Protein backbone atom coordinates (compact mmCIF):
# COMPACT_ATOMS: atom_id res chain seq x y z
CA UNK A 1 26.38 7.65 -1.19
CA UNK A 2 27.74 7.64 -4.70
CA UNK A 3 30.33 10.37 -5.25
CA UNK A 4 30.25 12.61 -8.34
CA UNK A 5 32.07 11.00 -11.23
CA UNK A 6 34.46 12.77 -13.56
CA UNK A 7 33.08 13.15 -17.06
CA UNK A 8 33.81 15.11 -20.18
CA UNK A 9 30.08 15.52 -20.67
CA UNK A 10 28.57 18.71 -19.30
CA UNK A 11 26.06 18.85 -16.46
CA UNK A 12 22.47 19.56 -17.53
CA UNK A 13 20.98 23.01 -17.55
CA UNK A 14 17.62 23.56 -15.82
CA UNK A 15 16.07 23.94 -19.28
CA UNK A 16 17.38 20.53 -20.37
CA UNK A 17 15.98 18.89 -17.24
CA UNK A 18 12.68 20.68 -17.74
CA UNK A 19 12.42 19.65 -21.37
CA UNK A 20 13.19 16.09 -20.40
CA UNK A 21 10.14 16.11 -18.16
CA UNK A 22 7.55 17.58 -20.51
CA UNK A 23 5.35 15.35 -22.64
CA UNK A 24 5.91 15.87 -26.36
CA UNK A 25 3.37 13.38 -27.68
CA UNK A 26 1.75 10.02 -27.03
CA UNK A 27 3.51 7.61 -24.66
CA UNK A 28 5.90 5.24 -26.38
CA UNK A 29 5.40 1.49 -26.53
CA UNK A 30 6.63 -0.58 -23.59
CA UNK A 31 9.26 -3.31 -24.01
CA UNK A 32 7.71 -6.68 -24.84
CA UNK A 33 8.97 -8.28 -21.62
CA UNK A 34 7.48 -5.63 -19.31
CA UNK A 35 6.48 -6.60 -15.75
CA UNK A 36 5.29 -4.57 -12.77
CA UNK A 37 5.97 -4.72 -9.03
CA UNK A 38 3.89 -2.77 -6.51
CA UNK A 39 5.29 -2.36 -3.00
CA UNK A 40 2.29 -2.23 -0.64
CA UNK A 41 3.82 -2.45 2.81
CA UNK A 42 4.05 -0.21 5.83
CA UNK A 43 1.51 0.82 8.45
CA UNK A 44 0.90 4.46 7.51
CA UNK A 45 1.12 5.57 11.14
CA UNK A 46 1.01 9.29 10.27
CA UNK A 47 -2.50 8.73 8.87
CA UNK A 48 -3.94 7.30 12.09
CA UNK A 49 -6.80 6.84 12.99
CA UNK A 50 -7.83 6.05 9.39
CA UNK A 51 -4.76 3.88 8.77
CA UNK A 52 -4.20 1.05 11.25
CA UNK A 53 -2.29 -2.20 11.42
CA UNK A 54 -5.22 -4.32 10.24
CA UNK A 55 -6.18 -1.90 7.44
CA UNK A 56 -3.22 0.33 6.49
CA UNK A 57 -3.26 3.30 4.14
CA UNK A 58 -2.51 1.34 0.96
CA UNK A 59 -5.88 -0.42 1.36
CA UNK A 60 -7.80 2.83 1.91
CA UNK A 61 -9.40 5.37 -0.41
CA UNK A 62 -8.00 8.64 0.92
CA UNK A 63 -9.01 12.21 0.27
CA UNK A 64 -10.89 12.66 -3.01
CA UNK A 65 -9.82 9.28 -4.39
CA UNK A 66 -12.56 6.75 -5.21
CA UNK A 67 -10.13 3.86 -5.52
CA UNK A 68 -7.81 2.67 -2.79
CA UNK A 69 -4.15 3.56 -3.17
CA UNK A 70 -3.42 -0.05 -4.12
CA UNK A 71 -6.16 -0.11 -6.76
CA UNK A 72 -4.99 3.20 -8.21
CA UNK A 73 -1.42 1.92 -8.50
CA UNK A 74 -2.63 -1.30 -10.16
CA UNK A 75 -4.81 0.55 -12.68
CA UNK A 76 -1.91 2.89 -13.46
CA UNK A 77 0.30 -0.08 -14.33
CA UNK A 78 -2.43 -1.99 -16.14
CA UNK A 79 -2.68 0.70 -18.80
CA UNK A 80 0.66 -0.44 -20.23
CA UNK A 81 1.54 -3.76 -18.50
CA UNK A 82 -0.49 -6.99 -18.83
CA UNK A 83 -2.36 -7.30 -15.50
CA UNK A 84 -1.26 -10.90 -14.96
CA UNK A 85 2.37 -9.68 -15.06
CA UNK A 86 1.84 -7.31 -12.15
CA UNK A 87 2.95 -8.52 -8.71
CA UNK A 88 2.37 -7.02 -5.28
CA UNK A 89 4.62 -7.37 -2.22
CA UNK A 90 2.67 -6.88 0.99
CA UNK A 91 2.45 -8.10 4.58
CA UNK A 92 1.13 -11.60 5.14
CA UNK A 93 -1.80 -10.25 7.18
CA UNK A 94 -2.94 -8.13 4.24
CA UNK A 95 -2.51 -10.63 1.40
CA UNK A 96 -6.18 -11.66 1.22
CA UNK A 97 -7.33 -8.04 1.18
CA UNK A 98 -4.86 -7.23 -1.61
CA UNK A 99 -6.17 -10.09 -3.76
CA UNK A 100 -9.77 -9.08 -3.06
CA UNK A 101 -9.22 -5.40 -3.93
CA UNK A 102 -7.40 -6.13 -7.18
CA UNK A 103 -9.99 -8.69 -8.26
CA UNK A 104 -12.63 -5.98 -7.92
CA UNK A 105 -11.05 -4.35 -10.99
CA UNK A 106 -9.37 -7.39 -12.60
CA UNK A 107 -11.26 -10.59 -11.62
CA UNK A 108 -8.68 -12.94 -13.20
CA UNK A 109 -5.80 -11.65 -11.08
CA UNK A 110 -3.81 -14.71 -9.88
CA UNK A 111 -3.42 -14.98 -6.10
CA UNK A 112 0.14 -16.27 -6.55
CA UNK A 113 1.10 -12.80 -7.79
CA UNK A 114 0.80 -11.50 -4.23
CA UNK A 115 4.10 -12.02 -2.38
CA UNK A 116 3.31 -12.11 1.33
CA UNK A 117 6.14 -11.00 3.61
CA UNK A 118 6.21 -12.82 6.98
CA UNK A 119 7.63 -9.67 8.62
CA UNK A 120 8.26 -6.15 7.41
CA UNK A 121 11.94 -5.75 6.45
CA UNK A 122 11.86 -2.38 4.63
CA UNK A 123 12.06 -1.99 0.85
CA UNK A 124 15.38 -3.72 0.10
CA UNK A 125 14.28 -7.33 0.79
CA UNK A 126 10.81 -6.62 -0.67
CA UNK A 127 12.21 -5.47 -4.03
CA UNK A 128 14.82 -8.23 -4.08
CA UNK A 129 12.20 -10.94 -3.53
CA UNK A 130 10.03 -9.46 -6.27
CA UNK A 131 12.81 -9.15 -8.85
CA UNK A 132 14.09 -12.67 -8.14
CA UNK A 133 10.65 -14.11 -8.85
CA UNK A 134 10.18 -12.01 -11.99
CA UNK A 135 13.69 -12.89 -13.21
CA UNK A 136 12.90 -16.59 -12.65
CA UNK A 137 9.76 -16.28 -14.80
CA UNK A 138 11.24 -14.00 -17.48
CA UNK A 139 15.06 -13.60 -17.48
CA UNK A 140 14.84 -10.78 -20.05
CA UNK A 141 12.21 -8.85 -18.09
CA UNK A 142 12.09 -5.10 -17.58
CA UNK A 143 10.53 -4.44 -14.18
CA UNK A 144 8.64 -1.28 -13.25
CA UNK A 145 8.60 -0.78 -9.47
CA UNK A 146 6.34 1.65 -7.58
CA UNK A 147 5.26 2.31 -4.03
CA UNK A 148 1.49 2.57 -3.92
CA UNK A 149 1.16 5.32 -1.28
CA UNK A 150 1.19 8.24 -3.70
CA UNK A 151 -1.05 10.37 -5.86
CA UNK A 152 -0.24 11.06 -9.52
CA UNK A 153 -2.64 13.43 -11.25
CA UNK A 154 -0.75 13.81 -14.56
CA UNK A 155 -1.29 10.22 -15.65
CA UNK A 156 -0.35 10.81 -19.30
CA UNK A 157 3.04 12.15 -18.22
CA UNK A 158 3.57 9.12 -15.99
CA UNK A 159 2.91 6.81 -18.94
CA UNK A 160 5.35 8.76 -21.09
CA UNK A 161 8.10 8.80 -18.46
CA UNK A 162 7.66 5.10 -17.64
CA UNK A 163 7.85 4.11 -21.31
CA UNK A 164 10.99 6.22 -21.77
CA UNK A 165 12.62 4.77 -18.67
CA UNK A 166 11.57 1.21 -19.48
CA UNK A 167 12.98 1.31 -22.99
CA UNK A 168 16.26 2.71 -21.67
CA UNK A 169 16.32 -0.03 -18.98
CA UNK A 170 15.73 -2.70 -21.65
CA UNK A 171 19.28 -2.05 -22.79
CA UNK A 172 20.61 -3.12 -19.39
CA UNK A 173 20.06 -0.04 -17.23
CA UNK A 174 18.38 1.04 -14.03
CA UNK A 175 16.15 4.12 -14.17
CA UNK A 176 14.46 6.30 -11.55
CA UNK A 177 11.56 8.52 -12.57
CA UNK A 178 12.27 11.73 -10.69
CA UNK A 179 9.57 14.28 -9.91
CA UNK A 180 10.45 17.89 -10.64
CA UNK A 181 10.10 19.70 -7.27
CA UNK A 182 7.46 22.38 -6.87
CA UNK A 183 8.57 23.60 -3.43
CA UNK A 184 11.62 23.33 -1.14
CA UNK A 185 10.47 20.09 0.52
CA UNK A 186 12.60 18.85 3.45
CA UNK A 187 10.80 15.53 3.95
CA UNK A 188 11.82 13.93 0.65
CA UNK A 189 15.04 12.68 -0.93
CA UNK A 190 16.58 14.45 -3.93
CA UNK A 191 18.46 13.18 -6.99
CA UNK A 192 20.91 15.46 -8.79
CA UNK A 193 20.75 15.02 -12.57
CA UNK A 194 24.12 14.61 -14.26
CA UNK A 195 24.93 14.66 -17.96
CA UNK A 196 22.29 13.78 -20.56
CA UNK A 197 22.64 10.20 -21.86
CA UNK A 198 19.87 10.50 -24.43
CA UNK A 199 16.81 12.66 -24.89
CA UNK A 200 15.09 12.87 -21.51
CA UNK A 201 17.43 10.44 -19.69
CA UNK A 202 20.19 11.72 -17.40
CA UNK A 203 22.99 10.14 -15.40
CA UNK A 204 22.56 10.30 -11.61
CA UNK A 205 25.13 12.56 -10.02
CA UNK A 206 24.26 12.08 -6.34
CA UNK A 207 21.51 11.39 -3.80
CA UNK A 208 20.66 13.74 -0.94
CA UNK A 209 18.28 12.41 1.70
CA UNK A 210 15.89 14.92 3.33
CA UNK A 211 17.96 18.12 3.21
CA UNK A 212 17.48 21.10 5.52
CA UNK A 213 15.42 24.04 4.29
CA UNK A 214 18.27 26.23 2.94
CA UNK A 215 19.66 23.26 0.99
CA UNK A 216 16.22 22.39 -0.38
CA UNK A 217 15.74 26.01 -1.46
CA UNK A 218 19.12 25.89 -3.22
CA UNK A 219 18.19 22.65 -5.02
CA UNK A 220 14.93 24.20 -6.20
CA UNK A 221 16.70 27.31 -7.49
CA UNK A 222 19.42 25.36 -9.31
CA UNK A 223 16.83 23.45 -11.32
CA UNK A 224 18.64 20.15 -11.97
CA UNK A 225 17.42 18.28 -8.88
CA UNK A 226 14.35 16.04 -8.76
CA UNK A 227 12.50 14.30 -5.94
CA UNK A 228 13.16 10.60 -5.43
CA UNK A 229 9.53 9.47 -5.65
CA UNK A 230 9.91 5.69 -5.49
CA UNK A 231 9.16 5.18 -9.20
CA UNK A 232 11.58 2.96 -11.13
CA UNK A 233 12.17 0.93 -14.28
CA UNK A 234 14.83 -1.76 -13.88
CA UNK A 235 16.40 -4.32 -16.15
CA UNK A 236 15.72 -7.38 -13.98
CA UNK A 237 19.04 -9.11 -14.73
CA UNK A 238 20.98 -5.90 -14.06
CA UNK A 239 19.14 -5.33 -10.76
CA UNK A 240 19.91 -8.88 -9.59
CA UNK A 241 23.57 -8.39 -10.52
CA UNK A 242 23.70 -5.07 -8.64
CA UNK A 243 22.22 -6.72 -5.54
CA UNK A 244 24.97 -9.34 -5.83
CA UNK A 245 27.55 -6.57 -6.04
CA UNK A 246 26.33 -4.09 -3.43
CA UNK A 247 24.27 -6.24 -1.01
CA UNK A 248 26.11 -9.58 -1.03
CA UNK A 249 25.04 -10.55 2.50
CA UNK A 250 21.34 -10.06 1.75
CA UNK A 251 21.62 -11.82 -1.59
CA UNK A 252 23.62 -14.62 0.00
CA UNK A 253 20.83 -15.30 2.50
CA UNK A 254 18.24 -15.51 -0.29
CA UNK A 255 20.49 -17.74 -2.43
CA UNK A 256 21.45 -20.10 0.40
CA UNK A 257 17.87 -20.86 1.45
CA UNK A 258 16.72 -21.14 -2.17
CA UNK A 259 19.43 -23.68 -3.02
CA UNK A 260 18.56 -25.70 0.07
CA UNK A 261 14.75 -25.64 -0.11
CA UNK A 262 13.75 -24.90 -3.73
CA UNK A 263 16.76 -25.54 -5.99
CA UNK A 264 15.96 -24.58 -9.56
CA UNK A 265 12.40 -23.61 -8.66
CA UNK A 266 10.61 -20.34 -8.15
CA UNK A 267 10.88 -18.06 -5.11
CA UNK A 268 7.41 -18.70 -3.67
CA UNK A 269 8.17 -21.62 -1.31
CA UNK A 270 6.42 -20.46 1.94
CA UNK A 271 8.83 -22.02 4.45
CA UNK A 272 11.84 -20.78 2.49
CA UNK A 273 10.54 -17.20 2.63
CA UNK A 274 9.78 -17.50 6.35
CA UNK A 275 13.33 -18.71 6.97
CA UNK A 276 14.84 -15.92 4.85
CA UNK A 277 12.84 -13.18 6.54
CA UNK A 278 13.67 -14.55 9.98
CA UNK A 279 17.35 -14.06 9.18
CA UNK A 280 17.62 -10.84 7.15
CA UNK A 281 17.63 -7.35 8.59
CA UNK A 282 15.74 -4.36 7.30
CA UNK A 283 17.24 -1.82 4.94
CA UNK A 284 15.87 0.42 2.21
CA UNK A 285 16.51 -0.10 -1.49
CA UNK A 286 18.11 3.35 -1.63
CA UNK A 287 20.60 2.59 1.15
CA UNK A 288 21.45 -0.93 -0.01
CA UNK A 289 21.83 -0.29 -3.71
CA UNK A 290 20.67 2.90 -5.40
CA UNK A 291 23.02 5.24 -3.55
CA UNK A 292 26.00 3.06 -4.54
CA UNK A 293 25.36 1.75 -8.05
CA UNK A 294 26.88 3.45 -11.08
CA UNK A 295 24.17 1.99 -13.36
CA UNK A 296 21.32 4.29 -12.29
CA UNK A 297 19.85 7.00 -14.53
CA UNK A 298 16.95 9.39 -14.03
CA UNK A 299 14.02 10.57 -16.14
CA UNK A 300 12.61 13.90 -14.86
CA UNK A 301 8.83 14.20 -15.05
CA UNK A 302 6.10 16.69 -14.12
CA UNK A 303 3.61 14.30 -12.53
CA UNK A 304 1.57 16.62 -10.26
CA UNK A 305 2.64 14.17 -7.58
CA UNK A 306 2.08 13.82 -3.83
CA UNK A 307 3.44 11.35 -1.31
CA UNK A 308 0.29 10.56 0.68
CA UNK A 309 2.06 10.00 3.97
CA UNK A 310 0.45 12.48 6.37
CA UNK A 311 -2.76 14.43 6.92
CA UNK A 312 -1.21 17.78 6.00
CA UNK A 313 -0.29 16.35 2.57
CA UNK A 314 -3.88 15.25 2.01
CA UNK A 315 -4.93 18.77 2.99
CA UNK A 316 -2.51 20.30 0.50
CA UNK A 317 -3.88 18.30 -2.44
CA UNK A 318 -7.57 18.53 -1.48
CA UNK A 319 -10.15 20.93 -2.88
CA UNK A 320 -10.86 23.70 -0.38
CA UNK A 321 -13.73 26.06 0.33
CA UNK A 322 -13.50 29.85 0.47
CA UNK A 323 -12.17 29.69 4.03
CA UNK A 324 -9.38 27.30 3.05
CA UNK A 325 -11.01 24.24 4.60
CA UNK A 326 -10.96 20.71 3.14
CA UNK A 327 -14.10 19.04 4.47
CA UNK A 328 -15.32 15.46 4.03
CA UNK A 329 -18.29 13.73 5.60
CA UNK A 330 -20.76 14.86 8.27
CA UNK A 331 -19.22 18.22 9.23
CA UNK A 332 -20.46 21.71 10.17
CA UNK A 333 -17.67 24.29 10.32
CA UNK A 334 -18.38 27.84 11.54
CA UNK A 335 -15.70 30.56 11.64
CA UNK A 336 -13.18 27.82 10.79
CA UNK A 337 -10.16 28.42 8.59
CA UNK A 338 -7.43 26.43 6.82
CA UNK A 339 -8.38 23.11 8.38
CA UNK A 340 -8.74 19.50 7.26
CA UNK A 341 -11.89 17.96 8.77
CA UNK A 342 -12.93 14.39 8.02
CA UNK A 343 -16.21 13.38 9.62
CA UNK A 344 -17.69 9.94 10.11
CA UNK A 345 -21.19 8.80 11.07
CA UNK A 346 -21.63 11.33 13.86
CA UNK A 347 -21.65 15.08 13.35
CA UNK A 348 -18.33 16.95 13.75
CA UNK A 349 -18.87 20.65 14.50
CA UNK A 350 -16.15 23.29 14.80
CA UNK A 351 -16.39 26.95 15.81
CA UNK A 352 -13.70 29.64 15.76
CA UNK A 353 -10.66 27.44 15.03
CA UNK A 354 -7.99 27.38 12.36
CA UNK A 355 -5.06 25.27 11.14
CA UNK A 356 -6.46 22.03 12.55
CA UNK A 357 -6.59 18.42 11.44
CA UNK A 358 -9.74 16.68 12.70
CA UNK A 359 -10.34 13.03 11.75
CA UNK A 360 -13.28 11.18 13.26
CA UNK A 361 -13.81 7.41 13.10
CA UNK A 362 -16.19 5.06 14.89
CA UNK A 363 -13.84 4.48 17.82
CA UNK A 364 -11.17 7.21 17.74
CA UNK A 365 -10.98 10.97 17.18
CA UNK A 366 -7.79 12.82 16.20
CA UNK A 367 -7.41 16.56 16.76
CA UNK A 368 -4.03 17.88 15.68
CA UNK A 369 -2.40 21.19 14.84
CA UNK A 370 -1.76 21.32 11.08
CA UNK A 371 1.92 22.04 11.69
CA UNK A 372 2.31 18.95 13.92
CA UNK A 373 1.03 16.42 11.37
CA UNK A 374 4.32 14.51 11.32
CA UNK A 375 4.05 14.00 15.10
CA UNK A 376 1.03 11.71 14.68
CA UNK A 377 3.61 8.93 14.39
CA UNK A 378 4.84 9.78 17.90
CA UNK A 379 1.24 9.64 19.10
CA UNK A 380 0.82 6.16 17.60
CA UNK A 381 4.07 5.04 19.25
CA UNK A 382 2.70 6.22 22.60
CA UNK A 383 -0.64 4.48 22.04
CA UNK A 384 1.18 1.28 21.05
CA UNK A 385 3.35 1.34 24.17
CA UNK A 386 0.21 1.73 26.28
CA UNK A 387 -1.51 -1.17 24.42
CA UNK A 388 -4.47 0.84 23.13
CA UNK A 389 -6.46 -1.53 20.86
CA UNK A 390 -7.41 1.36 18.55
CA UNK A 391 -3.88 1.23 17.10
CA UNK A 392 -4.37 -2.24 15.67
CA UNK A 393 -7.85 -2.34 14.17
CA UNK A 394 -10.98 -0.37 13.39
CA UNK A 395 -14.35 -1.09 14.94
CA UNK A 396 -15.20 -2.60 11.54
CA UNK A 397 -12.97 -5.46 10.43
CA UNK A 398 -12.91 -6.44 6.76
CA UNK A 399 -12.76 -10.05 5.63
CA UNK A 400 -12.75 -11.62 2.13
CA UNK A 401 -16.46 -12.43 2.56
CA UNK A 402 -17.48 -8.96 3.81
CA UNK A 403 -17.02 -7.38 7.23
CA UNK A 404 -18.04 -7.39 10.88
CA UNK A 405 -18.47 -4.50 13.31
CA UNK A 406 -18.34 -4.88 17.09
CA UNK A 407 -21.33 -3.04 18.54
CA UNK A 408 -20.76 -3.86 22.20
CA UNK A 409 -18.43 -6.06 24.24
CA UNK A 410 -18.18 -6.94 27.92
CA UNK A 411 -16.91 -9.94 29.92
CA UNK A 412 -18.89 -12.97 28.78
CA UNK A 413 -20.56 -11.54 25.67
CA UNK A 414 -19.96 -9.67 22.42
CA UNK A 415 -22.47 -8.24 19.92
CA UNK A 416 -21.55 -7.82 16.25
CA UNK A 417 -23.20 -6.95 12.98
CA UNK A 418 -22.04 -9.19 10.12
CA UNK A 419 -22.21 -8.01 6.51
CA UNK A 420 -21.89 -10.90 4.04
CA UNK A 421 -21.33 -9.75 0.46
CA UNK A 422 -23.32 -11.19 -2.46
CA UNK A 423 -22.25 -14.71 -3.49
CA UNK A 424 -19.78 -15.01 -0.59
CA UNK A 425 -19.59 -17.36 2.38
CA UNK A 426 -17.70 -17.68 5.62
CA UNK A 427 -15.47 -20.65 6.33
CA UNK A 428 -16.94 -23.85 7.73
CA UNK A 429 -15.79 -23.55 11.34
CA UNK A 430 -16.39 -24.26 14.99
CA UNK A 431 -15.50 -22.68 18.31
CA UNK A 432 -14.17 -24.29 21.47
CA UNK A 433 -15.12 -21.60 24.00
CA UNK A 434 -18.17 -19.73 22.74
CA UNK A 435 -21.78 -20.18 21.61
CA UNK A 436 -23.33 -17.92 18.97
CA UNK A 437 -26.82 -16.70 18.14
CA UNK A 438 -27.68 -15.12 14.78
CA UNK A 439 -30.60 -12.89 13.77
CA UNK A 440 -31.00 -12.04 10.08
CA UNK A 441 -31.93 -8.38 9.64
CA UNK A 442 -31.51 -7.94 5.88
CA UNK A 443 -31.16 -10.25 2.88
CA UNK A 444 -31.37 -14.02 2.48
CA UNK A 445 -28.73 -16.50 3.70
CA UNK A 446 -28.18 -20.22 4.02
CA UNK A 447 -26.93 -21.26 7.47
CA UNK A 448 -25.05 -24.52 7.96
CA UNK A 449 -25.28 -26.09 11.45
CA UNK A 450 -23.83 -29.55 11.74
CA UNK A 451 -25.49 -31.58 8.97
CA UNK A 452 -28.34 -29.07 8.52
CA UNK A 453 -28.61 -26.40 5.81
CA UNK A 454 -31.26 -23.85 6.74
CA UNK A 455 -32.51 -20.96 4.53
CA UNK A 456 -33.01 -17.84 6.64
CA UNK A 457 -34.52 -14.41 5.92
CA UNK A 458 -35.22 -11.23 7.87
CA UNK A 459 -36.23 -11.86 11.50
CA UNK A 460 -35.22 -15.54 11.35
CA UNK A 461 -32.89 -16.73 14.11
CA UNK A 462 -30.57 -19.67 14.69
CA UNK A 463 -28.53 -20.85 17.67
CA UNK A 464 -25.01 -22.31 17.19
CA UNK A 465 -24.01 -24.48 20.15
CA UNK A 466 -20.44 -24.72 21.43
CA UNK A 467 -18.37 -26.97 19.15
CA UNK A 468 -20.93 -27.19 16.30
CA UNK A 469 -19.64 -26.83 12.76
CA UNK A 470 -21.31 -23.85 11.12
CA UNK A 471 -21.17 -21.40 8.23
CA UNK A 472 -23.15 -18.56 6.64
CA UNK A 473 -23.53 -18.29 2.87
CA UNK A 474 -25.12 -15.47 0.91
CA UNK A 475 -26.38 -16.84 -2.44
CA UNK A 476 -28.19 -13.60 -3.28
CA UNK A 477 -27.40 -10.46 -5.27
CA UNK A 478 -27.31 -7.98 -2.36
CA UNK A 479 -25.38 -7.80 0.90
CA UNK A 480 -26.93 -9.74 3.79
CA UNK A 481 -26.75 -8.40 7.35
CA UNK A 482 -27.01 -10.38 10.57
CA UNK A 483 -26.73 -9.58 14.27
CA UNK A 484 -24.40 -12.04 16.01
CA UNK A 485 -24.43 -12.47 19.77
CA UNK A 486 -21.47 -14.39 21.18
CA UNK A 487 -21.32 -15.65 24.75
CA UNK A 488 -18.64 -17.66 26.51
CA UNK A 489 -15.55 -17.33 28.71
CA UNK A 490 -13.30 -16.33 25.75
CA UNK A 491 -14.40 -14.33 22.70
CA UNK A 492 -11.15 -13.73 20.78
CA UNK A 493 -11.04 -14.00 16.99
CA UNK A 494 -8.45 -16.78 17.30
CA UNK A 495 -11.05 -19.19 18.73
CA UNK A 496 -11.80 -20.52 15.26
CA UNK A 497 -11.21 -24.05 13.97
CA UNK A 498 -11.57 -24.01 10.17
CA UNK A 499 -12.52 -27.14 8.23
CA UNK A 500 -13.12 -25.63 4.79
CA UNK A 501 -12.49 -22.17 3.38
CA UNK A 502 -12.88 -20.89 -0.18
CA UNK A 503 -10.29 -18.18 0.52
CA UNK A 504 -7.51 -20.59 1.46
CA UNK A 505 -7.20 -19.54 5.10
CA UNK A 506 -6.00 -22.15 7.56
């Protein structure tokens, strides 16, 4: 942790910090060489059973939000950064879903802007990979970095604070946008604001990670501490230099593989990244760099901000009824107080309870005391150790072409419903251990079987023999739905041989 530095400049008063975080007009213009980096990793285990390995929280629309967390973060950046200059770092398994979600709001988004990590290695390697690629493309870049698992309701204030921080960073600095605390929170890190460098921008005096309650209460009362919210504006060249200085081993691994496998080129070589990630350990950006650098400054801001990391946080920010309940979906609550209840297709009914979290999905139901919300992670760890499949995936699995839902499964057979979106098609594929039978229940499709192309509509059927090349395409304007019956001695999703795929999957 960086120690306080001696200075002839005076520490800020609470009023100065407050004034530095209040909008005084329209947001300023961004630097010309502005780029954005969204960190969209992690599993969101405290939001199980909604968030799972195959579809984590950043790809979900949570609470009252219509957009997913990823889409909200992208739209927030796209107000002031050209969309084709925004990059996303995510897990390799989620790369296709990230591209698909962003193209729903910006169809021209280039797939190469999604940096797919072979393994999760915490935020340090993720940010380093992103800044190295941006610095390769634009050596004079200013890079805004955000984590997408958060809610910001004061969007105008975010724009103002980002523009202020970005313009300060353009001169060679590193800037954190700190959120003025509204309560003595013990689950977040704090930044102490030092002397004022210029209007609204302060030196960083020290970091404190997740203080105890008395310390958090003291920080709140003193008035010159802000939450470390994972919102930054960095001069790309300065950030690379600070990685060289404070994380030489990590930087050395990136440099060594780059010089050997892609000398002079960009940082997107797939095998190079696999080799780098196989060698590096995991550490946070805060621990590796931000707690040690003397180049970091902070812009306080009143963002009406929440870190959407647990069910109790979603409850806190949700609209509530007269009994203090936040209710979504198919729910009937009688004599129920101060609870968060999220229903699914089936009815959830509660009587005479209070302070509960109830989250219902197609294949898993969570019932949790409101005060034990953080312990959902321990529950997921226990489920993982016991190999419960509900940890990994939902009953409905999303694909670039649409989705499939497993209706029933037993040894020798599996029954699914396939939903193929308008103008989409599955890969041309075959299976080595299963036959399939399709029944169209809604919409019009074209089925490929071997050399045949067969138009099919509702109540039409087709049999796909073992080993036959096949595909479904939906040329229409509405989603098509089919029942698929699989039968064979092995029905895993890895029994697919792909010959052609418009989504680039192997």
